[in-house]
Amino acid sequence: MKGPWTAEFTDTPYEEIGESWVVDGPDGSICTIDCPLDERESVAHLIAAAPELYAACAAMIEWDEAEKNARPYDEDGGRAFHDRMTLCERAFDLARKAIAKARGEQS
């Protein structure tokens, strides 16, 4: 399923689980968290952050590939270097946001 996904508390009982956390996506429910009660919220936030964590990892790989295939700085006046730094900044911004979401600091 595509993202974004959200973690939400529900007091609607799910079978024998009781109150729980659910992860929803744009196309419907992803999962209901069924683990020890004191871990449900953190697990729900981590699962909900999966699409963003994937995107951050993909951006880091894109940046790494650009670094491995870099042209000399003086060949293009530093344009390729600037482009790689933009990729790097984007990758780390995505990573910071994904980690914050996984920690439950944003949704």
C-alpha atoms as a PDB file:
ATOM      1  CA  MET A   1       0.000   0.000   0.000  1.00  0.00           C
ATOM      2  CA  LYS A   2       1.151   3.510  -0.718  1.00  0.00           C
ATOM      3  CA  GLY A   3       1.639   6.052   2.045  1.00  0.00           C
ATOM      4  CA  PRO A   4       1.271   8.118   3.982  1.00  0.00           C
ATOM      5  CA  TRP A   5       0.287   5.902   6.870  1.00  0.00           C
ATOM      6  CA  THR A   6      -0.973   7.150  10.239  1.00  0.00           C
ATOM      7  CA  ALA A   7      -0.975   5.627  13.718  1.00  0.00           C
ATOM      8  CA  GLU A   8      -4.138   6.230  15.705  1.00  0.00           C
ATOM      9  CA  PHE A   9      -5.466   5.111  19.073  1.00  0.00           C
ATOM     10  CA  THR A  10      -8.850   3.459  18.998  1.00  0.00           C
ATOM     11  CA  ASP A  11     -11.038   2.548  21.924  1.00  0.00           C
ATOM     12  CA  THR A  12     -13.124   0.346  19.649  1.00  0.00           C
ATOM     13  CA  PRO A  13     -12.326  -3.227  20.689  1.00  0.00           C
ATOM     14  CA  TYR A  14     -10.714  -5.374  18.022  1.00  0.00           C
ATOM     15  CA  GLU A  15     -11.740  -8.968  18.680  1.00  0.00           C
ATOM     16  CA  GLU A  16     -10.053 -10.026  21.916  1.00  0.00           C
ATOM     17  CA  ILE A  17      -7.357  -7.322  21.760  1.00  0.00           C
ATOM     18  CA  GLY A  18      -9.432  -4.569  23.343  1.00  0.00           C
ATOM     19  CA  GLU A  19      -8.312  -0.951  23.065  1.00  0.00           C
ATOM     20  CA  SER A  20      -5.438  -0.677  20.664  1.00  0.00           C
ATOM     21  CA  TRP A  21      -3.535   1.292  18.074  1.00  0.00           C
ATOM     22  CA  VAL A  22      -4.229   0.946  14.368  1.00  0.00           C
ATOM     23  CA  VAL A  23      -2.212   1.973  11.329  1.00  0.00           C
ATOM     24  CA  ASP A  24      -4.240   3.339   8.433  1.00  0.00           C
ATOM     25  CA  GLY A  25      -3.238   4.182   4.885  1.00  0.00           C
ATOM     26  CA  PRO A  26      -5.000   6.042   2.090  1.00  0.00           C
ATOM     27  CA  ASP A  27      -6.629   2.802   0.914  1.00  0.00           C
ATOM     28  CA  GLY A  28      -7.738   1.552   4.331  1.00  0.00           C
ATOM     29  CA  SER A  29      -6.418  -0.151   7.426  1.00  0.00           C
ATOM     30  CA  ILE A  30      -2.867  -1.511   7.324  1.00  0.00           C
ATOM     31  CA  CYS A  31      -2.882  -3.340  10.656  1.00  0.00           C
ATOM     32  CA  THR A  32      -4.007  -3.436  14.258  1.00  0.00           C
ATOM     33  CA  ILE A  33      -1.200  -3.629  16.796  1.00  0.00           C
ATOM     34  CA  ASP A  34      -1.413  -6.762  18.907  1.00  0.00           C
ATOM     35  CA  CYS A  35       1.629  -6.823  21.175  1.00  0.00           C
ATOM     36  CA  PRO A  36       2.190  -6.062  24.855  1.00  0.00           C
ATOM     37  CA  LEU A  37       0.019  -3.099  25.850  1.00  0.00           C
ATOM     38  CA  ASP A  38       2.952  -0.893  26.865  1.00  0.00           C
ATOM     39  CA  GLU A  39       4.552  -1.312  23.391  1.00  0.00           C
ATOM     40  CA  ARG A  40       1.503  -0.756  21.163  1.00  0.00           C
ATOM     41  CA  GLU A  41       1.875   2.980  20.653  1.00  0.00           C
ATOM     42  CA  SER A  42       5.591   2.887  19.784  1.00  0.00           C
ATOM     43  CA  VAL A  43       5.107  -0.101  17.457  1.00  0.00           C
ATOM     44  CA  ALA A  44       2.203   1.662  15.729  1.00  0.00           C
ATOM     45  CA  HIS A  45       4.283   4.799  15.126  1.00  0.00           C
ATOM     46  CA  LEU A  46       7.196   2.749  13.780  1.00  0.00           C
ATOM     47  CA  ILE A  47       4.959   0.861  11.353  1.00  0.00           C
ATOM     48  CA  ALA A  48       3.218   4.076  10.288  1.00  0.00           C
ATOM     49  CA  ALA A  49       6.615   5.580   9.427  1.00  0.00           C
ATOM     50  CA  ALA A  50       7.537   2.703   7.087  1.00  0.00           C
ATOM     51  CA  PRO A  51       6.784   4.565   3.808  1.00  0.00           C
ATOM     52  CA  GLU A  52       8.794   7.595   4.952  1.00  0.00           C
ATOM     53  CA  LEU A  53      11.676   5.423   6.189  1.00  0.00           C
ATOM     54  CA  TYR A  54      11.726   3.656   2.825  1.00  0.00           C
ATOM     55  CA  ALA A  55      11.754   6.985   0.969  1.00  0.00           C
ATOM     56  CA  ALA A  56      14.621   8.257   3.129  1.00  0.00           C
ATOM     57  CA  CYS A  57      16.672   5.113   2.459  1.00  0.00           C
ATOM     58  CA  ALA A  58      15.971   5.360  -1.279  1.00  0.00           C
ATOM     59  CA  ALA A  59      17.084   9.013  -1.263  1.00  0.00           C
ATOM     60  CA  MET A  60      20.314   8.068   0.531  1.00  0.00           C
ATOM     61  CA  ILE A  61      21.011   5.401  -2.072  1.00  0.00           C
ATOM     62  CA  GLU A  62      20.349   7.934  -4.851  1.00  0.00           C
ATOM     63  CA  TRP A  63      22.833  10.340  -3.243  1.00  0.00           C
ATOM     64  CA  ASP A  64      25.415   7.574  -2.755  1.00  0.00           C
ATOM     65  CA  GLU A  65      25.122   6.534  -6.406  1.00  0.00           C
ATOM     66  CA  ALA A  66      25.627  10.146  -7.470  1.00  0.00           C
ATOM     67  CA  GLU A  67      28.750  10.321  -5.281  1.00  0.00           C
ATOM     68  CA  LYS A  68      30.144   7.123  -6.781  1.00  0.00           C
ATOM     69  CA  ASN A  69      29.591   8.434 -10.315  1.00  0.00           C
ATOM     70  CA  ALA A  70      30.746  11.989  -9.631  1.00  0.00           C
ATOM     71  CA  ARG A  71      32.565  13.984 -12.271  1.00  0.00           C
ATOM     72  CA  PRO A  72      35.546  16.131 -11.371  1.00  0.00           C
ATOM     73  CA  TYR A  73      34.594  19.477  -9.837  1.00  0.00           C
ATOM     74  CA  ASP A  74      36.401  21.550 -12.437  1.00  0.00           C
ATOM     75  CA  GLU A  75      34.736  19.720 -15.311  1.00  0.00           C
ATOM     76  CA  ASP A  76      31.435  21.568 -14.891  1.00  0.00           C
ATOM     77  CA  GLY A  77      32.220  24.430 -12.558  1.00  0.00           C
ATOM     78  CA  GLY A  78      30.875  22.597  -9.537  1.00  0.00           C
ATOM     79  CA  ARG A  79      27.340  22.069 -10.842  1.00  0.00           C
ATOM     80  CA  ALA A  80      27.410  18.298 -10.281  1.00  0.00           C
ATOM     81  CA  PHE A  81      28.817  18.862  -6.781  1.00  0.00           C
ATOM     82  CA  HIS A  82      25.957  21.257  -5.993  1.00  0.00           C
ATOM     83  CA  ASP A  83      23.434  18.718  -7.331  1.00  0.00           C
ATOM     84  CA  ARG A  84      24.912  16.001  -5.105  1.00  0.00           C
ATOM     85  CA  MET A  85      24.772  18.251  -2.062  1.00  0.00           C
ATOM     86  CA  THR A  86      21.103  18.926  -2.832  1.00  0.00           C
ATOM     87  CA  LEU A  87      20.489  15.150  -2.969  1.00  0.00           C
ATOM     88  CA  CYS A  88      22.329  14.746   0.332  1.00  0.00           C
ATOM     89  CA  GLU A  89      20.326  17.492   2.033  1.00  0.00           C
ATOM     90  CA  ARG A  90      17.058  16.011   0.771  1.00  0.00           C
ATOM     91  CA  ALA A  91      18.007  12.512   1.956  1.00  0.00           C
ATOM     92  CA  PHE A  92      18.871  13.676   5.450  1.00  0.00           C
ATOM     93  CA  ASP A  93      15.753  15.868   5.694  1.00  0.00           C
ATOM     94  CA  LEU A  94      13.631  12.840   4.761  1.00  0.00           C
ATOM     95  CA  ALA A  95      15.489  10.712   7.321  1.00  0.00           C
ATOM     96  CA  ARG A  96      14.983  13.250  10.115  1.00  0.00           C
ATOM     97  CA  LYS A  97      11.254  13.516   9.373  1.00  0.00           C
ATOM     98  CA  ALA A  98      10.845   9.732   9.140  1.00  0.00           C
ATOM     99  CA  ILE A  99      12.629   9.158  12.439  1.00  0.00           C
ATOM    100  CA  ALA A 100      10.522  11.835  14.130  1.00  0.00           C
ATOM    101  CA  LYS A 101       7.380  10.127  12.830  1.00  0.00           C
ATOM    102  CA  ALA A 102       8.642   6.707  13.987  1.00  0.00           C
ATOM    103  CA  ARG A 103       9.165   8.207  17.453  1.00  0.00           C
ATOM    104  CA  GLY A 104       5.605   9.549  17.467  1.00  0.00           C
ATOM    105  CA  GLU A 105       6.774  13.168  17.341  1.00  0.00           C
ATOM    106  CA  GLN A 106       4.763  13.872  14.159  1.00  0.00           C
ATOM    107  CA  SER A 107       2.179  12.081  12.075  1.00  0.00           C
END
